[in-house]
Amino acid sequence: MKFKKWHKGLVIMLCILFGYLAYLNSNYYIQKQQWKYRDGFHLGDWIDFEGNGFELKDNNIYFTEKKLAKIIICVGKLLIIASPDKKEFGYYINK
């Protein structure tokens, strides 16, 4: 079956979108940002992974080797985390 021009364009746009979302949820992107507390589960007013004691491993946030939270999703300027027991959610914004 032949793809029409708009099918090819749609496939390319979806690949770009999924690639961008994967980048936003990567450890690299999340660690390079400074996150300010907004609402819900609270780890602190700021989460800064560069020299502040916070570490990011396997989508989990650690502070001095203690697991504090699990990252649910990062969508650009919004980081959604969950408590270790996943009963509370916290929201941080990118500053």
PDB file of N, CA and C in Angstrom:
ATOM      1  N   MET A   1       0.846  -1.176   0.000  1.00  0.00           N
ATOM      2  CA  MET A   1       0.000   0.000   0.000  1.00  0.00           C
ATOM      3  C   MET A   1       0.891   1.239   0.000  1.00  0.00           C
ATOM      4  N   LYS A   2       0.551   2.202  -0.813  1.00  0.00           N
ATOM      5  CA  LYS A   2       1.327   3.422  -0.916  1.00  0.00           C
ATOM      6  C   LYS A   2       0.803   4.453   0.081  1.00  0.00           C
ATOM      7  N   PHE A   3       1.761   5.161   0.695  1.00  0.00           N
ATOM      8  CA  PHE A   3       1.390   6.264   1.569  1.00  0.00           C
ATOM      9  C   PHE A   3       1.155   7.505   0.733  1.00  0.00           C
ATOM     10  N   LYS A   4       0.138   8.248   1.088  1.00  0.00           N
ATOM     11  CA  LYS A   4      -0.078   9.537   0.462  1.00  0.00           C
ATOM     12  C   LYS A   4       0.841  10.546   1.138  1.00  0.00           C
ATOM     13  N   LYS A   5       0.973  11.694   0.537  1.00  0.00           N
ATOM     14  CA  LYS A   5       1.867  12.721   1.084  1.00  0.00           C
ATOM     15  C   LYS A   5       1.497  13.097   2.516  1.00  0.00           C
ATOM     16  N   TRP A   6       0.223  13.237   2.791  1.00  0.00           N
ATOM     17  CA  TRP A   6      -0.170  13.652   4.129  1.00  0.00           C
ATOM     18  C   TRP A   6       0.085  12.551   5.140  1.00  0.00           C
ATOM     19  N   HIS A   7       0.065  11.276   4.722  1.00  0.00           N
ATOM     20  CA  HIS A   7       0.402  10.178   5.638  1.00  0.00           C
ATOM     21  C   HIS A   7       1.860  10.276   6.065  1.00  0.00           C
ATOM     22  N   LYS A   8       2.731  10.549   5.104  1.00  0.00           N
ATOM     23  CA  LYS A   8       4.157  10.677   5.406  1.00  0.00           C
ATOM     24  C   LYS A   8       4.396  11.863   6.341  1.00  0.00           C
ATOM     25  N   GLY A   9       3.733  12.943   6.082  1.00  0.00           N
ATOM     26  CA  GLY A   9       3.864  14.122   6.946  1.00  0.00           C
ATOM     27  C   GLY A   9       3.376  13.849   8.352  1.00  0.00           C
ATOM     28  N   LEU A  10       2.272  13.122   8.465  1.00  0.00           N
ATOM     29  CA  LEU A  10       1.728  12.767   9.770  1.00  0.00           C
ATOM     30  C   LEU A  10       2.688  11.865  10.534  1.00  0.00           C
ATOM     31  N   VAL A  11       3.261  10.885   9.875  1.00  0.00           N
ATOM     32  CA  VAL A  11       4.216   9.983  10.509  1.00  0.00           C
ATOM     33  C   VAL A  11       5.442  10.751  10.985  1.00  0.00           C
ATOM     34  N   ILE A  12       5.939  11.660  10.175  1.00  0.00           N
ATOM     35  CA  ILE A  12       7.106  12.464  10.555  1.00  0.00           C
ATOM     36  C   ILE A  12       6.779  13.347  11.753  1.00  0.00           C
ATOM     37  N   MET A  13       5.612  13.980  11.736  1.00  0.00           N
ATOM     38  CA  MET A  13       5.226  14.850  12.858  1.00  0.00           C
ATOM     39  C   MET A  13       5.048  14.048  14.144  1.00  0.00           C
ATOM     40  N   LEU A  14       4.475  12.854  14.066  1.00  0.00           N
ATOM     41  CA  LEU A  14       4.316  12.011  15.256  1.00  0.00           C
ATOM     42  C   LEU A  14       5.671  11.559  15.802  1.00  0.00           C
ATOM     43  N   CYS A  15       6.602  11.233  14.907  1.00  0.00           N
ATOM     44  CA  CYS A  15       7.951  10.850  15.343  1.00  0.00           C
ATOM     45  C   CYS A  15       8.643  12.007  16.057  1.00  0.00           C
ATOM     46  N   ILE A  16       8.503  13.215  15.529  1.00  0.00           N
ATOM     47  CA  ILE A  16       9.088  14.398  16.158  1.00  0.00           C
ATOM     48  C   ILE A  16       8.444  14.636  17.525  1.00  0.00           C
ATOM     49  N   LEU A  17       7.132  14.527  17.615  1.00  0.00           N
ATOM     50  CA  LEU A  17       6.413  14.729  18.874  1.00  0.00           C
ATOM     51  C   LEU A  17       6.849  13.720  19.928  1.00  0.00           C
ATOM     52  N   PHE A  18       6.879  12.436  19.567  1.00  0.00           N
ATOM     53  CA  PHE A  18       7.283  11.410  20.531  1.00  0.00           C
ATOM     54  C   PHE A  18       8.746  11.556  20.928  1.00  0.00           C
ATOM     55  N   GLY A  19       9.580  11.964  19.998  1.00  0.00           N
ATOM     56  CA  GLY A  19      10.987  12.219  20.316  1.00  0.00           C
ATOM     57  C   GLY A  19      11.135  13.368  21.301  1.00  0.00           C
ATOM     58  N   TYR A  20      10.367  14.425  21.095  1.00  0.00           N
ATOM     59  CA  TYR A  20      10.401  15.579  21.994  1.00  0.00           C
ATOM     60  C   TYR A  20       9.911  15.200  23.392  1.00  0.00           C
ATOM     61  N   LEU A  21       8.824  14.440  23.472  1.00  0.00           N
ATOM     62  CA  LEU A  21       8.307  14.001  24.770  1.00  0.00           C
ATOM     63  C   LEU A  21       9.292  13.078  25.478  1.00  0.00           C
ATOM     64  N   ALA A  22       9.966  12.229  24.724  1.00  0.00           N
ATOM     65  CA  ALA A  22      10.982  11.360  25.320  1.00  0.00           C
ATOM     66  C   ALA A  22      12.131  12.187  25.868  1.00  0.00           C
ATOM     67  N   TYR A  23      12.536  13.235  25.147  1.00  0.00           N
ATOM     68  CA  TYR A  23      13.597  14.119  25.622  1.00  0.00           C
ATOM     69  C   TYR A  23      13.183  14.831  26.903  1.00  0.00           C
ATOM     70  N   LEU A  24      11.948  15.324  26.968  1.00  0.00           N
ATOM     71  CA  LEU A  24      11.472  16.027  28.158  1.00  0.00           C
ATOM     72  C   LEU A  24      11.441  15.113  29.378  1.00  0.00           C
ATOM     73  N   ASN A  25      11.283  13.828  29.185  1.00  0.00           N
ATOM     74  CA  ASN A  25      11.233  12.883  30.294  1.00  0.00           C
ATOM     75  C   ASN A  25      12.572  12.210  30.549  1.00  0.00           C
ATOM     76  N   SER A  26      13.605  12.655  29.862  1.00  0.00           N
ATOM     77  CA  SER A  26      14.919  12.043  30.057  1.00  0.00           C
ATOM     78  C   SER A  26      15.581  12.581  31.329  1.00  0.00           C
ATOM     79  N   ASN A  27      16.431  11.766  31.920  1.00  0.00           N
ATOM     80  CA  ASN A  27      17.185  12.201  33.092  1.00  0.00           C
ATOM     81  C   ASN A  27      18.010  13.438  32.774  1.00  0.00           C
ATOM     82  N   TYR A  28      18.574  13.509  31.571  1.00  0.00           N
ATOM     83  CA  TYR A  28      19.413  14.628  31.166  1.00  0.00           C
ATOM     84  C   TYR A  28      18.642  15.946  31.270  1.00  0.00           C
ATOM     85  N   TYR A  29      17.449  16.001  30.697  1.00  0.00           N
ATOM     86  CA  TYR A  29      16.653  17.226  30.706  1.00  0.00           C
ATOM     87  C   TYR A  29      16.236  17.602  32.137  1.00  0.00           C
ATOM     88  N   ILE A  30      15.733  16.629  32.880  1.00  0.00           N
ATOM     89  CA  ILE A  30      15.226  16.893  34.226  1.00  0.00           C
ATOM     90  C   ILE A  30      16.345  17.380  35.141  1.00  0.00           C
ATOM     91  N   GLN A  31      17.534  16.799  35.031  1.00  0.00           N
ATOM     92  CA  GLN A  31      18.648  17.200  35.884  1.00  0.00           C
ATOM     93  C   GLN A  31      19.174  18.590  35.569  1.00  0.00           C
ATOM     94  N   LYS A  32      19.032  19.051  34.341  1.00  0.00           N
ATOM     95  CA  LYS A  32      19.555  20.356  33.946  1.00  0.00           C
ATOM     96  C   LYS A  32      18.631  21.511  34.324  1.00  0.00           C
ATOM     97  N   GLN A  33      17.464  21.209  34.857  1.00  0.00           N
ATOM     98  CA  GLN A  33      16.494  22.246  35.196  1.00  0.00           C
ATOM     99  C   GLN A  33      16.480  22.492  36.701  1.00  0.00           C
ATOM    100  N   GLN A  34      15.955  23.631  37.095  1.00  0.00           N
ATOM    101  CA  GLN A  34      15.689  23.927  38.491  1.00  0.00           C
ATOM    102  C   GLN A  34      14.171  23.912  38.664  1.00  0.00           C
ATOM    103  N   TRP A  35      13.706  23.156  39.633  1.00  0.00           N
ATOM    104  CA  TRP A  35      12.280  22.947  39.809  1.00  0.00           C
ATOM    105  C   TRP A  35      11.797  23.627  41.085  1.00  0.00           C
ATOM    106  N   LYS A  36      10.767  24.444  40.955  1.00  0.00           N
ATOM    107  CA  LYS A  36      10.198  25.173  42.085  1.00  0.00           C
ATOM    108  C   LYS A  36       8.867  24.532  42.478  1.00  0.00           C
ATOM    109  N   TYR A  37       8.658  24.386  43.781  1.00  0.00           N
ATOM    110  CA  TYR A  37       7.439  23.766  44.309  1.00  0.00           C
ATOM    111  C   TYR A  37       6.204  24.558  43.902  1.00  0.00           C
ATOM    112  N   ARG A  38       5.157  23.817  43.527  1.00  0.00           N
ATOM    113  CA  ARG A  38       3.889  24.451  43.160  1.00  0.00           C
ATOM    114  C   ARG A  38       2.738  23.973  44.024  1.00  0.00           C
ATOM    115  N   ASP A  39       2.585  22.635  44.172  1.00  0.00           N
ATOM    116  CA  ASP A  39       1.409  22.135  44.876  1.00  0.00           C
ATOM    117  C   ASP A  39       1.603  20.659  45.224  1.00  0.00           C
ATOM    118  N   GLY A  40       0.900  20.170  46.239  1.00  0.00           N
ATOM    119  CA  GLY A  40       0.862  18.743  46.549  1.00  0.00           C
ATOM    120  C   GLY A  40       2.036  18.259  47.388  1.00  0.00           C
ATOM    121  N   PHE A  41       2.502  17.049  47.108  1.00  0.00           N
ATOM    122  CA  PHE A  41       3.594  16.402  47.832  1.00  0.00           C
ATOM    123  C   PHE A  41       4.840  17.277  47.793  1.00  0.00           C
ATOM    124  N   HIS A  42       5.438  17.522  48.947  1.00  0.00           N
ATOM    125  CA  HIS A  42       6.502  18.527  49.073  1.00  0.00           C
ATOM    126  C   HIS A  42       7.845  17.875  49.397  1.00  0.00           C
ATOM    127  N   LEU A  43       8.850  18.101  48.532  1.00  0.00           N
ATOM    128  CA  LEU A  43      10.224  17.680  48.804  1.00  0.00           C
ATOM    129  C   LEU A  43      11.065  18.841  49.299  1.00  0.00           C
ATOM    130  N   GLY A  44      10.637  20.021  49.017  1.00  0.00           N
ATOM    131  CA  GLY A  44      11.358  21.245  49.347  1.00  0.00           C
ATOM    132  C   GLY A  44      10.897  22.323  48.395  1.00  0.00           C
ATOM    133  N   ASP A  45      11.299  23.544  48.674  1.00  0.00           N
ATOM    134  CA  ASP A  45      10.887  24.645  47.802  1.00  0.00           C
ATOM    135  C   ASP A  45      11.564  24.584  46.442  1.00  0.00           C
ATOM    136  N   TRP A  46      12.809  24.054  46.401  1.00  0.00           N
ATOM    137  CA  TRP A  46      13.555  23.944  45.149  1.00  0.00           C
ATOM    138  C   TRP A  46      14.128  22.544  45.028  1.00  0.00           C
ATOM    139  N   ILE A  47      14.070  21.983  43.840  1.00  0.00           N
ATOM    140  CA  ILE A  47      14.801  20.764  43.529  1.00  0.00           C
ATOM    141  C   ILE A  47      15.835  21.147  42.482  1.00  0.00           C
ATOM    142  N   ASP A  48      17.090  21.051  42.868  1.00  0.00           N
ATOM    143  CA  ASP A  48      18.194  21.377  41.979  1.00  0.00           C
ATOM    144  C   ASP A  48      19.168  20.206  42.036  1.00  0.00           C
ATOM    145  N   PHE A  49      19.383  19.537  40.929  1.00  0.00           N
ATOM    146  CA  PHE A  49      20.191  18.324  40.901  1.00  0.00           C
ATOM    147  C   PHE A  49      21.686  18.594  40.787  1.00  0.00           C
ATOM    148  N   GLU A  50      22.073  19.843  40.638  1.00  0.00           N
ATOM    149  CA  GLU A  50      23.491  20.148  40.468  1.00  0.00           C
ATOM    150  C   GLU A  50      24.074  20.682  41.777  1.00  0.00           C
ATOM    151  N   GLY A  51      24.697  19.787  42.553  1.00  0.00           N
ATOM    152  CA  GLY A  51      25.405  20.181  43.755  1.00  0.00           C
ATOM    153  C   GLY A  51      24.531  20.465  44.958  1.00  0.00           C
ATOM    154  N   ASN A  52      23.283  20.045  44.948  1.00  0.00           N
ATOM    155  CA  ASN A  52      22.377  20.336  46.046  1.00  0.00           C
ATOM    156  C   ASN A  52      22.021  19.095  46.854  1.00  0.00           C
ATOM    157  N   GLY A  53      22.609  17.948  46.546  1.00  0.00           N
ATOM    158  CA  GLY A  53      22.325  16.723  47.281  1.00  0.00           C
ATOM    159  C   GLY A  53      21.282  15.836  46.633  1.00  0.00           C
ATOM    160  N   PHE A  54      20.458  16.394  45.759  1.00  0.00           N
ATOM    161  CA  PHE A  54      19.454  15.586  45.074  1.00  0.00           C
ATOM    162  C   PHE A  54      20.109  14.804  43.941  1.00  0.00           C
ATOM    163  N   GLU A  55      19.683  13.560  43.764  1.00  0.00           N
ATOM    164  CA  GLU A  55      20.161  12.727  42.660  1.00  0.00           C
ATOM    165  C   GLU A  55      18.966  12.120  41.949  1.00  0.00           C
ATOM    166  N   LEU A  56      19.142  11.846  40.669  1.00  0.00           N
ATOM    167  CA  LEU A  56      18.088  11.241  39.861  1.00  0.00           C
ATOM    168  C   LEU A  56      18.612   9.935  39.287  1.00  0.00           C
ATOM    169  N   LYS A  57      17.985   8.816  39.671  1.00  0.00           N
ATOM    170  CA  LYS A  57      18.367   7.498  39.173  1.00  0.00           C
ATOM    171  C   LYS A  57      17.092   6.721  38.847  1.00  0.00           C
ATOM    172  N   ASP A  58      17.007   6.211  37.637  1.00  0.00           N
ATOM    173  CA  ASP A  58      15.875   5.367  37.231  1.00  0.00           C
ATOM    174  C   ASP A  58      14.519   6.000  37.543  1.00  0.00           C
ATOM    175  N   ASN A  59      14.374   7.276  37.219  1.00  0.00           N
ATOM    176  CA  ASN A  59      13.141   8.038  37.456  1.00  0.00           C
ATOM    177  C   ASN A  59      12.737   8.113  38.924  1.00  0.00           C
ATOM    178  N   ASN A  60      13.704   8.007  39.808  1.00  0.00           N
ATOM    179  CA  ASN A  60      13.486   8.194  41.237  1.00  0.00           C
ATOM    180  C   ASN A  60      14.373   9.327  41.717  1.00  0.00           C
ATOM    181  N   ILE A  61      13.861  10.122  42.654  1.00  0.00           N
ATOM    182  CA  ILE A  61      14.630  11.216  43.231  1.00  0.00           C
ATOM    183  C   ILE A  61      15.156  10.757  44.585  1.00  0.00           C
ATOM    184  N   TYR A  62      16.476  10.890  44.755  1.00  0.00           N
ATOM    185  CA  TYR A  62      17.137  10.513  45.991  1.00  0.00           C
ATOM    186  C   TYR A  62      17.787  11.734  46.618  1.00  0.00           C
ATOM    187  N   PHE A  63      17.865  11.725  47.938  1.00  0.00           N
ATOM    188  CA  PHE A  63      18.633  12.716  48.666  1.00  0.00           C
ATOM    189  C   PHE A  63      19.496  11.967  49.655  1.00  0.00           C
ATOM    190  N   THR A  64      20.799  12.063  49.475  1.00  0.00           N
ATOM    191  CA  THR A  64      21.792  11.311  50.255  1.00  0.00           C
ATOM    192  C   THR A  64      21.406   9.829  50.357  1.00  0.00           C
ATOM    193  N   GLU A  65      21.193   9.234  49.186  1.00  0.00           N
ATOM    194  CA  GLU A  65      20.915   7.799  49.023  1.00  0.00           C
ATOM    195  C   GLU A  65      19.560   7.348  49.583  1.00  0.00           C
ATOM    196  N   LYS A  66      18.707   8.257  49.991  1.00  0.00           N
ATOM    197  CA  LYS A  66      17.368   7.902  50.469  1.00  0.00           C
ATOM    198  C   LYS A  66      16.349   8.263  49.393  1.00  0.00           C
ATOM    199  N   LYS A  67      15.528   7.294  49.011  1.00  0.00           N
ATOM    200  CA  LYS A  67      14.511   7.535  47.985  1.00  0.00           C
ATOM    201  C   LYS A  67      13.411   8.429  48.542  1.00  0.00           C
ATOM    202  N   LEU A  68      13.210   9.552  47.857  1.00  0.00           N
ATOM    203  CA  LEU A  68      12.203  10.508  48.295  1.00  0.00           C
ATOM    204  C   LEU A  68      10.935  10.493  47.459  1.00  0.00           C
ATOM    205  N   ALA A  69      11.089  10.271  46.141  1.00  0.00           N
ATOM    206  CA  ALA A  69       9.924  10.366  45.257  1.00  0.00           C
ATOM    207  C   ALA A  69      10.194   9.652  43.943  1.00  0.00           C
ATOM    208  N   LYS A  70       9.121   9.383  43.218  1.00  0.00           N
ATOM    209  CA  LYS A  70       9.191   8.801  41.880  1.00  0.00           C
ATOM    210  C   LYS A  70       8.663   9.833  40.899  1.00  0.00           C
ATOM    211  N   ILE A  71       9.370   9.990  39.789  1.00  0.00           N
ATOM    212  CA  ILE A  71       8.907  10.913  38.751  1.00  0.00           C
ATOM    213  C   ILE A  71       7.837  10.213  37.918  1.00  0.00           C
ATOM    214  N   ILE A  72       6.695  10.844  37.813  1.00  0.00           N
ATOM    215  CA  ILE A  72       5.600  10.301  37.016  1.00  0.00           C
ATOM    216  C   ILE A  72       5.770  10.751  35.564  1.00  0.00           C
ATOM    217  N   ILE A  73       5.846  12.074  35.358  1.00  0.00           N
ATOM    218  CA  ILE A  73       6.010  12.606  34.000  1.00  0.00           C
ATOM    219  C   ILE A  73       6.531  14.037  34.079  1.00  0.00           C
ATOM    220  N   CYS A  74       7.221  14.425  33.057  1.00  0.00           N
ATOM    221  CA  CYS A  74       7.690  15.800  32.903  1.00  0.00           C
ATOM    222  C   CYS A  74       7.165  16.295  31.557  1.00  0.00           C
ATOM    223  N   VAL A  75       6.419  17.366  31.598  1.00  0.00           N
ATOM    224  CA  VAL A  75       5.863  17.931  30.377  1.00  0.00           C
ATOM    225  C   VAL A  75       6.332  19.377  30.281  1.00  0.00           C
ATOM    226  N   GLY A  76       7.531  19.554  29.743  1.00  0.00           N
ATOM    227  CA  GLY A  76       8.089  20.885  29.562  1.00  0.00           C
ATOM    228  C   GLY A  76       8.355  21.602  30.870  1.00  0.00           C
ATOM    229  N   LYS A  77       7.444  22.455  31.267  1.00  0.00           N
ATOM    230  CA  LYS A  77       7.620  23.265  32.465  1.00  0.00           C
ATOM    231  C   LYS A  77       6.986  22.643  33.701  1.00  0.00           C
ATOM    232  N   LEU A  78       6.392  21.481  33.608  1.00  0.00           N
ATOM    233  CA  LEU A  78       5.718  20.850  34.740  1.00  0.00           C
ATOM    234  C   LEU A  78       6.315  19.476  35.015  1.00  0.00           C
ATOM    235  N   LEU A  79       6.709  19.264  36.268  1.00  0.00           N
ATOM    236  CA  LEU A  79       7.228  17.977  36.719  1.00  0.00           C
ATOM    237  C   LEU A  79       6.255  17.416  37.737  1.00  0.00           C
ATOM    238  N   ILE A  80       5.751  16.220  37.478  1.00  0.00           N
ATOM    239  CA  ILE A  80       4.812  15.582  38.396  1.00  0.00           C
ATOM    240  C   ILE A  80       5.534  14.429  39.063  1.00  0.00           C
ATOM    241  N   ILE A  81       5.523  14.434  40.414  1.00  0.00           N
ATOM    242  CA  ILE A  81       6.179  13.387  41.183  1.00  0.00           C
ATOM    243  C   ILE A  81       5.158  12.707  42.090  1.00  0.00           C
ATOM    244  N   ALA A  82       5.526  11.548  42.609  1.00  0.00           N
ATOM    245  CA  ALA A  82       4.671  10.839  43.546  1.00  0.00           C
ATOM    246  C   ALA A  82       5.495  10.465  44.768  1.00  0.00           C
ATOM    247  N   SER A  83       4.837  10.389  45.903  1.00  0.00           N
ATOM    248  CA  SER A  83       5.512   9.954  47.121  1.00  0.00           C
ATOM    249  C   SER A  83       5.944   8.498  46.940  1.00  0.00           C
ATOM    250  N   PRO A  84       6.900   8.016  47.749  1.00  0.00           N
ATOM    251  CA  PRO A  84       7.370   6.630  47.580  1.00  0.00           C
ATOM    252  C   PRO A  84       6.244   5.589  47.633  1.00  0.00           C
ATOM    253  N   ASP A  85       5.210   5.832  48.434  1.00  0.00           N
ATOM    254  CA  ASP A  85       4.078   4.894  48.502  1.00  0.00           C
ATOM    255  C   ASP A  85       3.013   5.202  47.446  1.00  0.00           C
ATOM    256  N   LYS A  86       3.249   6.243  46.641  1.00  0.00           N
ATOM    257  CA  LYS A  86       2.384   6.674  45.536  1.00  0.00           C
ATOM    258  C   LYS A  86       0.974   7.065  45.982  1.00  0.00           C
ATOM    259  N   LYS A  87       0.860   7.564  47.214  1.00  0.00           N
ATOM    260  CA  LYS A  87      -0.435   8.019  47.702  1.00  0.00           C
ATOM    261  C   LYS A  87      -0.646   9.511  47.481  1.00  0.00           C
ATOM    262  N   GLU A  88       0.450  10.255  47.338  1.00  0.00           N
ATOM    263  CA  GLU A  88       0.368  11.703  47.123  1.00  0.00           C
ATOM    264  C   GLU A  88       1.133  12.078  45.868  1.00  0.00           C
ATOM    265  N   PHE A  89       0.654  13.108  45.196  1.00  0.00           N
ATOM    266  CA  PHE A  89       1.341  13.631  44.016  1.00  0.00           C
ATOM    267  C   PHE A  89       1.794  15.055  44.306  1.00  0.00           C
ATOM    268  N   GLY A  90       2.931  15.412  43.745  1.00  0.00           N
ATOM    269  CA  GLY A  90       3.469  16.755  43.893  1.00  0.00           C
ATOM    270  C   GLY A  90       3.720  17.366  42.542  1.00  0.00           C
ATOM    271  N   TYR A  91       3.639  18.673  42.470  1.00  0.00           N
ATOM    272  CA  TYR A  91       3.815  19.384  41.218  1.00  0.00           C
ATOM    273  C   TYR A  91       4.901  20.450  41.384  1.00  0.00           C
ATOM    274  N   TYR A  92       5.854  20.435  40.478  1.00  0.00           N
ATOM    275  CA  TYR A  92       6.934  21.409  40.462  1.00  0.00           C
ATOM    276  C   TYR A  92       6.974  22.047  39.086  1.00  0.00           C
ATOM    277  N   ILE A  93       7.328  23.347  39.065  1.00  0.00           N
ATOM    278  CA  ILE A  93       7.411  24.045  37.792  1.00  0.00           C
ATOM    279  C   ILE A  93       8.869  24.406  37.508  1.00  0.00           C
ATOM    280  N   ASN A  94       9.188  24.479  36.244  1.00  0.00           N
ATOM    281  CA  ASN A  94      10.537  24.779  35.789  1.00  0.00           C
ATOM    282  C   ASN A  94      10.786  26.275  35.869  1.00  0.00           C
ATOM    283  N   LYS A  95      11.845  26.661  36.543  1.00  0.00           N
ATOM    284  CA  LYS A  95      12.186  28.091  36.667  1.00  0.00           C
ATOM    285  C   LYS A  95      13.469  28.367  35.946  1.00  0.00           C
TER     286      LYS A  95
END
